[in-house]
All heavy atoms as atom14 arrays in JSON, in Angstrom:
{
  "sequence": "CLTCNNTEYPKIMPAVIIAVTNGNKILLSKYANREYTRYA",
  "atom14_mask": [
    [1, 1, 1, 1, 1, 1, 0, 0, 0, 0, 0, 0, 0, 0],
    [1, 1, 1, 1, 1, 1, 1, 1, 0, 0, 0, 0, 0, 0],
    [1, 1, 1, 1, 1, 1, 1, 0, 0, 0, 0, 0, 0, 0],
    [1, 1, 1, 1, 1, 1, 0, 0, 0, 0, 0, 0, 0, 0],
    [1, 1, 1, 1, 1, 1, 1, 1, 0, 0, 0, 0, 0, 0],
    [1, 1, 1, 1, 1, 1, 1, 1, 0, 0, 0, 0, 0, 0],
    [1, 1, 1, 1, 1, 1, 1, 0, 0, 0, 0, 0, 0, 0],
    [1, 1, 1, 1, 1, 1, 1, 1, 1, 0, 0, 0, 0, 0],
    [1, 1, 1, 1, 1, 1, 1, 1, 1, 1, 1, 1, 0, 0],
    [1, 1, 1, 1, 1, 1, 1, 0, 0, 0, 0, 0, 0, 0],
    [1, 1, 1, 1, 1, 1, 1, 1, 1, 0, 0, 0, 0, 0],
    [1, 1, 1, 1, 1, 1, 1, 1, 0, 0, 0, 0, 0, 0],
    [1, 1, 1, 1, 1, 1, 1, 1, 0, 0, 0, 0, 0, 0],
    [1, 1, 1, 1, 1, 1, 1, 0, 0, 0, 0, 0, 0, 0],
    [1, 1, 1, 1, 1, 0, 0, 0, 0, 0, 0, 0, 0, 0],
    [1, 1, 1, 1, 1, 1, 1, 0, 0, 0, 0, 0, 0, 0],
    [1, 1, 1, 1, 1, 1, 1, 1, 0, 0, 0, 0, 0, 0],
    [1, 1, 1, 1, 1, 1, 1, 1, 0, 0, 0, 0, 0, 0],
    [1, 1, 1, 1, 1, 0, 0, 0, 0, 0, 0, 0, 0, 0],
    [1, 1, 1, 1, 1, 1, 1, 0, 0, 0, 0, 0, 0, 0],
    [1, 1, 1, 1, 1, 1, 1, 0, 0, 0, 0, 0, 0, 0],
    [1, 1, 1, 1, 1, 1, 1, 1, 0, 0, 0, 0, 0, 0],
    [1, 1, 1, 1, 0, 0, 0, 0, 0, 0, 0, 0, 0, 0],
    [1, 1, 1, 1, 1, 1, 1, 1, 0, 0, 0, 0, 0, 0],
    [1, 1, 1, 1, 1, 1, 1, 1, 1, 0, 0, 0, 0, 0],
    [1, 1, 1, 1, 1, 1, 1, 1, 0, 0, 0, 0, 0, 0],
    [1, 1, 1, 1, 1, 1, 1, 1, 0, 0, 0, 0, 0, 0],
    [1, 1, 1, 1, 1, 1, 1, 1, 0, 0, 0, 0, 0, 0],
    [1, 1, 1, 1, 1, 1, 0, 0, 0, 0, 0, 0, 0, 0],
    [1, 1, 1, 1, 1, 1, 1, 1, 1, 0, 0, 0, 0, 0],
    [1, 1, 1, 1, 1, 1, 1, 1, 1, 1, 1, 1, 0, 0],
    [1, 1, 1, 1, 1, 0, 0, 0, 0, 0, 0, 0, 0, 0],
    [1, 1, 1, 1, 1, 1, 1, 1, 0, 0, 0, 0, 0, 0],
    [1, 1, 1, 1, 1, 1, 1, 1, 1, 1, 1, 0, 0, 0],
    [1, 1, 1, 1, 1, 1, 1, 1, 1, 0, 0, 0, 0, 0],
    [1, 1, 1, 1, 1, 1, 1, 1, 1, 1, 1, 1, 0, 0],
    [1, 1, 1, 1, 1, 1, 1, 0, 0, 0, 0, 0, 0, 0],
    [1, 1, 1, 1, 1, 1, 1, 1, 1, 1, 1, 0, 0, 0],
    [1, 1, 1, 1, 1, 1, 1, 1, 1, 1, 1, 1, 0, 0],
    [1, 1, 1, 1, 1, 0, 0, 0, 0, 0, 0, 0, 0, 0]
  ],
  "atom14_positions": [
    [[9.06, 14.33, -29.56], [9.72, 15.47, -30.19], [9.64, 15.32, -31.7], [10.11, 14.32, -32.27], [11.18, 15.53, -29.74], [12.13, 16.87, -30.52], [0.0, 0.0, 0.0], [0.0, 0.0, 0.0], [0.0, 0.0, 0.0], [0.0, 0.0, 0.0], [0.0, 0.0, 0.0], [0.0, 0.0, 0.0], [0.0, 0.0, 0.0], [0.0, 0.0, 0.0]],
    [[9.06, 16.3, -32.36], [8.92, 16.26, -33.82], [10.23, 16.54, -34.52], [10.37, 16.29, -35.72], [7.86, 17.27, -34.26], [6.44, 17.04, -33.71], [5.5, 18.14, -34.18], [5.92, 15.67, -34.11], [0.0, 0.0, 0.0], [0.0, 0.0, 0.0], [0.0, 0.0, 0.0], [0.0, 0.0, 0.0], [0.0, 0.0, 0.0], [0.0, 0.0, 0.0]],
    [[11.21, 17.06, -33.78], [12.5, 17.4, -34.38], [13.45, 16.21, -34.42], [14.05, 15.91, -35.45], [13.16, 18.56, -33.62], [12.29, 19.7, -33.63], [14.5, 18.93, -34.23], [0.0, 0.0, 0.0], [0.0, 0.0, 0.0], [0.0, 0.0, 0.0], [0.0, 0.0, 0.0], [0.0, 0.0, 0.0], [0.0, 0.0, 0.0], [0.0, 0.0, 0.0]],
    [[13.58, 15.48, -33.29], [14.55, 14.39, -33.23], [13.93, 13.04, -32.92], [14.64, 12.05, -32.75], [15.65, 14.7, -32.21], [15.1, 14.64, -30.49], [0.0, 0.0, 0.0], [0.0, 0.0, 0.0], [0.0, 0.0, 0.0], [0.0, 0.0, 0.0], [0.0, 0.0, 0.0], [0.0, 0.0, 0.0], [0.0, 0.0, 0.0], [0.0, 0.0, 0.0]],
    [[12.58, 13.0, -32.78], [11.85, 11.75, -32.52], [12.1, 11.16, -31.14], [11.8, 9.98, -30.9], [12.15, 10.7, -33.6], [11.62, 11.1, -34.97], [10.52, 11.65, -35.08], [12.41, 10.84, -36.0], [0.0, 0.0, 0.0], [0.0, 0.0, 0.0], [0.0, 0.0, 0.0], [0.0, 0.0, 0.0], [0.0, 0.0, 0.0], [0.0, 0.0, 0.0]],
    [[12.63, 11.93, -30.22], [12.77, 11.47, -28.84], [11.39, 11.31, -28.21], [10.45, 12.05, -28.54], [13.6, 12.48, -28.04], [13.87, 12.02, -26.63], [14.04, 10.83, -26.37], [13.9, 12.97, -25.7], [0.0, 0.0, 0.0], [0.0, 0.0, 0.0], [0.0, 0.0, 0.0], [0.0, 0.0, 0.0], [0.0, 0.0, 0.0], [0.0, 0.0, 0.0]],
    [[11.24, 10.33, -27.34], [9.95, 10.1, -26.68], [10.11, 10.1, -25.16], [11.16, 9.7, -24.63], [9.33, 8.75, -27.11], [10.23, 7.68, -26.77], [9.08, 8.74, -28.61], [0.0, 0.0, 0.0], [0.0, 0.0, 0.0], [0.0, 0.0, 0.0], [0.0, 0.0, 0.0], [0.0, 0.0, 0.0], [0.0, 0.0, 0.0], [0.0, 0.0, 0.0]],
    [[9.08, 10.53, -24.45], [9.07, 10.56, -22.99], [7.77, 9.95, -22.49], [6.68, 10.34, -22.93], [9.19, 12.0, -22.47], [10.49, 12.71, -22.83], [11.66, 12.26, -21.97], [11.42, 11.49, -21.02], [12.8, 12.68, -22.25], [0.0, 0.0, 0.0], [0.0, 0.0, 0.0], [0.0, 0.0, 0.0], [0.0, 0.0, 0.0], [0.0, 0.0, 0.0]],
    [[7.89, 9.0, -21.55], [6.74, 8.37, -20.92], [6.7, 8.77, -19.44], [7.73, 9.14, -18.86], [6.81, 6.86, -21.06], [6.58, 6.36, -22.46], [7.64, 6.25, -23.37], [5.3, 6.01, -22.9], [7.42, 5.79, -24.67], [5.08, 5.56, -24.19], [6.15, 5.46, -25.07], [5.93, 5.02, -26.36], [0.0, 0.0, 0.0], [0.0, 0.0, 0.0]],
    [[5.52, 8.68, -18.8], [5.44, 9.03, -17.38], [6.46, 8.26, -16.54], [6.73, 7.07, -16.78], [4.0, 8.64, -17.01], [3.25, 8.81, -18.28], [4.2, 8.37, -19.37], [0.0, 0.0, 0.0], [0.0, 0.0, 0.0], [0.0, 0.0, 0.0], [0.0, 0.0, 0.0], [0.0, 0.0, 0.0], [0.0, 0.0, 0.0], [0.0, 0.0, 0.0]],
    [[7.02, 8.96, -15.57], [8.08, 8.4, -14.73], [7.47, 7.53, -13.63], [6.6, 7.97, -12.87], [8.88, 9.54, -14.09], [10.0, 9.08, -13.17], [10.76, 10.26, -12.62], [9.94, 11.1, -11.67], [10.71, 12.18, -11.02], [0.0, 0.0, 0.0], [0.0, 0.0, 0.0], [0.0, 0.0, 0.0], [0.0, 0.0, 0.0], [0.0, 0.0, 0.0]],
    [[7.92, 6.28, -13.56], [7.51, 5.38, -12.49], [8.78, 4.73, -11.94], [9.48, 4.02, -12.67], [6.53, 4.29, -12.98], [5.3, 4.93, -13.62], [6.11, 3.38, -11.82], [4.39, 3.94, -14.3], [0.0, 0.0, 0.0], [0.0, 0.0, 0.0], [0.0, 0.0, 0.0], [0.0, 0.0, 0.0], [0.0, 0.0, 0.0], [0.0, 0.0, 0.0]],
    [[9.08, 4.95, -10.67], [10.32, 4.44, -10.1], [10.04, 3.22, -9.22], [9.21, 3.28, -8.31], [10.99, 5.54, -9.26], [11.39, 6.75, -10.07], [12.26, 8.02, -9.12], [10.93, 8.63, -8.08], [0.0, 0.0, 0.0], [0.0, 0.0, 0.0], [0.0, 0.0, 0.0], [0.0, 0.0, 0.0], [0.0, 0.0, 0.0], [0.0, 0.0, 0.0]],
    [[10.71, 2.1, -9.48], [10.51, 0.91, -8.65], [11.21, 1.03, -7.3], [12.34, 1.52, -7.22], [11.13, -0.22, -9.49], [12.18, 0.47, -10.31], [11.65, 1.85, -10.59], [0.0, 0.0, 0.0], [0.0, 0.0, 0.0], [0.0, 0.0, 0.0], [0.0, 0.0, 0.0], [0.0, 0.0, 0.0], [0.0, 0.0, 0.0], [0.0, 0.0, 0.0]],
    [[10.53, 0.6, -6.26], [11.1, 0.64, -4.91], [10.53, -0.51, -4.1], [9.53, -1.12, -4.47], [10.8, 1.98, -4.23], [0.0, 0.0, 0.0], [0.0, 0.0, 0.0], [0.0, 0.0, 0.0], [0.0, 0.0, 0.0], [0.0, 0.0, 0.0], [0.0, 0.0, 0.0], [0.0, 0.0, 0.0], [0.0, 0.0, 0.0], [0.0, 0.0, 0.0]],
    [[11.19, -0.83, -2.99], [10.76, -1.94, -2.14], [10.4, -1.44, -0.75], [10.96, -0.46, -0.25], [11.85, -3.03, -2.03], [12.09, -3.68, -3.38], [13.14, -2.46, -1.46], [0.0, 0.0, 0.0], [0.0, 0.0, 0.0], [0.0, 0.0, 0.0], [0.0, 0.0, 0.0], [0.0, 0.0, 0.0], [0.0, 0.0, 0.0], [0.0, 0.0, 0.0]],
    [[9.41, -2.11, -0.15], [9.07, -1.96, 1.25], [9.41, -3.3, 1.91], [9.01, -4.35, 1.41], [7.57, -1.65, 1.44], [7.22, -0.31, 0.78], [7.19, -1.64, 2.92], [7.8, 0.89, 1.48], [0.0, 0.0, 0.0], [0.0, 0.0, 0.0], [0.0, 0.0, 0.0], [0.0, 0.0, 0.0], [0.0, 0.0, 0.0], [0.0, 0.0, 0.0]],
    [[10.13, -3.26, 3.02], [10.67, -4.5, 3.58], [10.26, -4.66, 5.04], [10.6, -3.83, 5.89], [12.21, -4.51, 3.51], [12.69, -4.05, 2.13], [12.75, -5.89, 3.86], [14.03, -3.36, 2.15], [0.0, 0.0, 0.0], [0.0, 0.0, 0.0], [0.0, 0.0, 0.0], [0.0, 0.0, 0.0], [0.0, 0.0, 0.0], [0.0, 0.0, 0.0]],
    [[9.52, -5.72, 5.3], [9.18, -6.09, 6.68], [10.17, -7.15, 7.13], [10.07, -8.32, 6.76], [7.75, -6.61, 6.76], [0.0, 0.0, 0.0], [0.0, 0.0, 0.0], [0.0, 0.0, 0.0], [0.0, 0.0, 0.0], [0.0, 0.0, 0.0], [0.0, 0.0, 0.0], [0.0, 0.0, 0.0], [0.0, 0.0, 0.0], [0.0, 0.0, 0.0]],
    [[11.18, -6.74, 7.9], [12.17, -7.67, 8.42], [11.63, -8.27, 9.71], [11.27, -7.54, 10.64], [13.51, -6.97, 8.67], [14.55, -7.98, 9.18], [14.01, -6.28, 7.4], [0.0, 0.0, 0.0], [0.0, 0.0, 0.0], [0.0, 0.0, 0.0], [0.0, 0.0, 0.0], [0.0, 0.0, 0.0], [0.0, 0.0, 0.0], [0.0, 0.0, 0.0]],
    [[11.57, -9.61, 9.78], [11.0, -10.27, 10.94], [12.04, -11.17, 11.61], [13.0, -11.61, 10.98], [9.77, -11.11, 10.56], [10.16, -12.18, 9.68], [8.72, -10.24, 9.86], [0.0, 0.0, 0.0], [0.0, 0.0, 0.0], [0.0, 0.0, 0.0], [0.0, 0.0, 0.0], [0.0, 0.0, 0.0], [0.0, 0.0, 0.0], [0.0, 0.0, 0.0]],
    [[11.79, -11.44, 12.87], [12.65, -12.32, 13.66], [11.77, -13.07, 14.64], [11.54, -12.61, 15.76], [13.71, -11.49, 14.4], [14.7, -12.36, 15.15], [14.71, -13.58, 15.0], [15.53, -11.74, 15.98], [0.0, 0.0, 0.0], [0.0, 0.0, 0.0], [0.0, 0.0, 0.0], [0.0, 0.0, 0.0], [0.0, 0.0, 0.0], [0.0, 0.0, 0.0]],
    [[11.18, -14.16, 14.18], [10.23, -14.89, 15.0], [8.98, -14.06, 15.24], [8.27, -13.7, 14.3], [0.0, 0.0, 0.0], [0.0, 0.0, 0.0], [0.0, 0.0, 0.0], [0.0, 0.0, 0.0], [0.0, 0.0, 0.0], [0.0, 0.0, 0.0], [0.0, 0.0, 0.0], [0.0, 0.0, 0.0], [0.0, 0.0, 0.0], [0.0, 0.0, 0.0]],
    [[8.75, -13.72, 16.49], [7.57, -12.94, 16.87], [7.8, -11.44, 16.81], [6.96, -10.65, 17.23], [7.13, -13.33, 18.29], [5.72, -12.89, 18.61], [4.79, -13.15, 17.86], [5.54, -12.19, 19.74], [0.0, 0.0, 0.0], [0.0, 0.0, 0.0], [0.0, 0.0, 0.0], [0.0, 0.0, 0.0], [0.0, 0.0, 0.0], [0.0, 0.0, 0.0]],
    [[8.94, -11.02, 16.28], [9.3, -9.6, 16.27], [9.39, -9.07, 14.83], [9.71, -9.8, 13.9], [10.64, -9.39, 16.98], [10.63, -9.75, 18.46], [11.94, -9.4, 19.13], [13.07, -10.3, 18.65], [14.33, -10.05, 19.44], [0.0, 0.0, 0.0], [0.0, 0.0, 0.0], [0.0, 0.0, 0.0], [0.0, 0.0, 0.0], [0.0, 0.0, 0.0]],
    [[9.12, -7.78, 14.69], [9.24, -7.09, 13.42], [10.09, -5.83, 13.63], [10.05, -5.21, 14.7], [7.86, -6.73, 12.83], [7.99, -6.21, 11.4], [7.12, -5.72, 13.72], [6.64, -6.05, 10.68], [0.0, 0.0, 0.0], [0.0, 0.0, 0.0], [0.0, 0.0, 0.0], [0.0, 0.0, 0.0], [0.0, 0.0, 0.0], [0.0, 0.0, 0.0]],
    [[10.86, -5.47, 12.62], [11.73, -4.31, 12.71], [10.99, -3.07, 12.19], [10.56, -3.04, 11.03], [12.99, -4.53, 11.89], [14.06, -3.44, 11.97], [14.65, -3.38, 13.38], [15.17, -3.7, 10.95], [0.0, 0.0, 0.0], [0.0, 0.0, 0.0], [0.0, 0.0, 0.0], [0.0, 0.0, 0.0], [0.0, 0.0, 0.0], [0.0, 0.0, 0.0]],
    [[10.83, -2.07, 13.05], [10.22, -0.8, 12.66], [11.25, 0.31, 12.78], [12.15, 0.26, 13.64], [9.01, -0.49, 13.53], [7.86, -1.5, 13.52], [6.71, -1.01, 14.39], [7.38, -1.78, 12.1], [0.0, 0.0, 0.0], [0.0, 0.0, 0.0], [0.0, 0.0, 0.0], [0.0, 0.0, 0.0], [0.0, 0.0, 0.0], [0.0, 0.0, 0.0]],
    [[11.1, 1.32, 11.95], [12.08, 2.41, 11.93], [11.37, 3.75, 11.8], [10.17, 3.82, 11.52], [13.05, 2.22, 10.76], [12.36, 2.29, 9.52], [0.0, 0.0, 0.0], [0.0, 0.0, 0.0], [0.0, 0.0, 0.0], [0.0, 0.0, 0.0], [0.0, 0.0, 0.0], [0.0, 0.0, 0.0], [0.0, 0.0, 0.0], [0.0, 0.0, 0.0]],
    [[12.14, 4.81, 12.0], [11.67, 6.16, 11.73], [12.71, 6.86, 10.87], [13.92, 6.74, 11.11], [11.45, 6.95, 13.03], [10.25, 6.48, 13.83], [9.96, 7.41, 15.01], [8.7, 6.99, 15.75], [8.36, 7.91, 16.87], [0.0, 0.0, 0.0], [0.0, 0.0, 0.0], [0.0, 0.0, 0.0], [0.0, 0.0, 0.0], [0.0, 0.0, 0.0]],
    [[12.22, 7.61, 9.88], [13.12, 8.31, 8.98], [13.84, 9.45, 9.69], [13.32, 10.06, 10.64], [12.36, 8.88, 7.79], [11.7, 7.84, 6.92], [10.32, 7.82, 6.76], [12.45, 6.88, 6.26], [9.7, 6.87, 5.95], [11.85, 5.93, 5.45], [10.47, 5.93, 5.31], [9.88, 4.98, 4.52], [0.0, 0.0, 0.0], [0.0, 0.0, 0.0]],
    [[15.03, 9.76, 9.21], [15.78, 10.91, 9.71], [15.5, 12.13, 8.85], [15.42, 12.03, 7.62], [17.27, 10.61, 9.7], [0.0, 0.0, 0.0], [0.0, 0.0, 0.0], [0.0, 0.0, 0.0], [0.0, 0.0, 0.0], [0.0, 0.0, 0.0], [0.0, 0.0, 0.0], [0.0, 0.0, 0.0], [0.0, 0.0, 0.0], [0.0, 0.0, 0.0]],
    [[15.29, 13.27, 9.49], [15.16, 14.56, 8.8], [14.03, 14.6, 7.78], [14.19, 15.13, 6.67], [16.49, 14.92, 8.1], [17.66, 14.91, 9.05], [17.57, 15.45, 10.16], [18.75, 14.29, 8.66], [0.0, 0.0, 0.0], [0.0, 0.0, 0.0], [0.0, 0.0, 0.0], [0.0, 0.0, 0.0], [0.0, 0.0, 0.0], [0.0, 0.0, 0.0]],
    [[12.89, 14.01, 8.12], [11.72, 14.08, 7.25], [10.5, 14.5, 8.06], [10.47, 14.36, 9.29], [11.43, 12.72, 6.61], [12.51, 12.23, 5.67], [11.99, 11.11, 4.81], [13.05, 10.36, 4.18], [12.84, 9.32, 3.38], [11.61, 8.9, 3.14], [13.85, 8.66, 2.85], [0.0, 0.0, 0.0], [0.0, 0.0, 0.0], [0.0, 0.0, 0.0]],
    [[9.5, 15.03, 7.34], [8.28, 15.45, 8.01], [7.51, 14.26, 8.57], [6.84, 14.36, 9.59], [7.39, 16.23, 7.04], [7.99, 17.57, 6.6], [7.06, 18.33, 5.68], [5.91, 17.87, 5.47], [7.47, 19.38, 5.16], [0.0, 0.0, 0.0], [0.0, 0.0, 0.0], [0.0, 0.0, 0.0], [0.0, 0.0, 0.0], [0.0, 0.0, 0.0]],
    [[7.61, 13.1, 7.89], [6.9, 11.9, 8.34], [7.64, 11.33, 9.54], [8.8, 10.92, 9.43], [6.83, 10.87, 7.22], [5.95, 9.68, 7.54], [4.58, 9.73, 7.29], [6.48, 8.51, 8.08], [3.76, 8.64, 7.57], [5.66, 7.42, 8.36], [4.31, 7.49, 8.1], [3.5, 6.44, 8.38], [0.0, 0.0, 0.0], [0.0, 0.0, 0.0]],
    [[7.0, 11.31, 10.72], [7.68, 10.93, 11.96], [7.12, 9.64, 12.57], [7.53, 9.27, 13.66], [7.57, 12.06, 12.98], [6.18, 12.35, 13.24], [8.26, 13.32, 12.48], [0.0, 0.0, 0.0], [0.0, 0.0, 0.0], [0.0, 0.0, 0.0], [0.0, 0.0, 0.0], [0.0, 0.0, 0.0], [0.0, 0.0, 0.0], [0.0, 0.0, 0.0]],
    [[6.19, 8.97, 11.89], [5.63, 7.74, 12.45], [6.54, 6.55, 12.12], [7.42, 6.63, 11.28], [4.23, 7.51, 11.88], [3.25, 8.63, 12.21], [1.96, 8.47, 11.43], [1.05, 9.59, 11.66], [-0.03, 9.85, 10.96], [-0.36, 9.04, 9.95], [-0.8, 10.89, 11.23], [0.0, 0.0, 0.0], [0.0, 0.0, 0.0], [0.0, 0.0, 0.0]],
    [[6.27, 5.44, 12.8], [7.02, 4.22, 12.52], [6.71, 3.72, 11.12], [5.59, 3.82, 10.64], [6.68, 3.14, 13.54], [7.39, 3.32, 14.87], [6.7, 3.79, 15.99], [8.74, 2.99, 15.01], [7.34, 3.95, 17.2], [9.38, 3.16, 16.23], [8.68, 3.63, 17.31], [9.32, 3.79, 18.52], [0.0, 0.0, 0.0], [0.0, 0.0, 0.0]],
    [[7.72, 3.17, 10.47], [7.58, 2.65, 9.11], [8.46, 1.42, 8.96], [9.28, 1.1, 9.83], [7.96, 3.71, 8.09], [0.0, 0.0, 0.0], [0.0, 0.0, 0.0], [0.0, 0.0, 0.0], [0.0, 0.0, 0.0], [0.0, 0.0, 0.0], [0.0, 0.0, 0.0], [0.0, 0.0, 0.0], [0.0, 0.0, 0.0], [0.0, 0.0, 0.0]]
  ]
}
């Protein structure tokens, strides 16, 4: 901004993907109320 010198950079949001395991097992889930319906 040439008026107040404010600056804006592209938005990048940090997030985690978590594979919870229990020996030979892994926890899979499906989202609620979303178009994506596969296991995640």
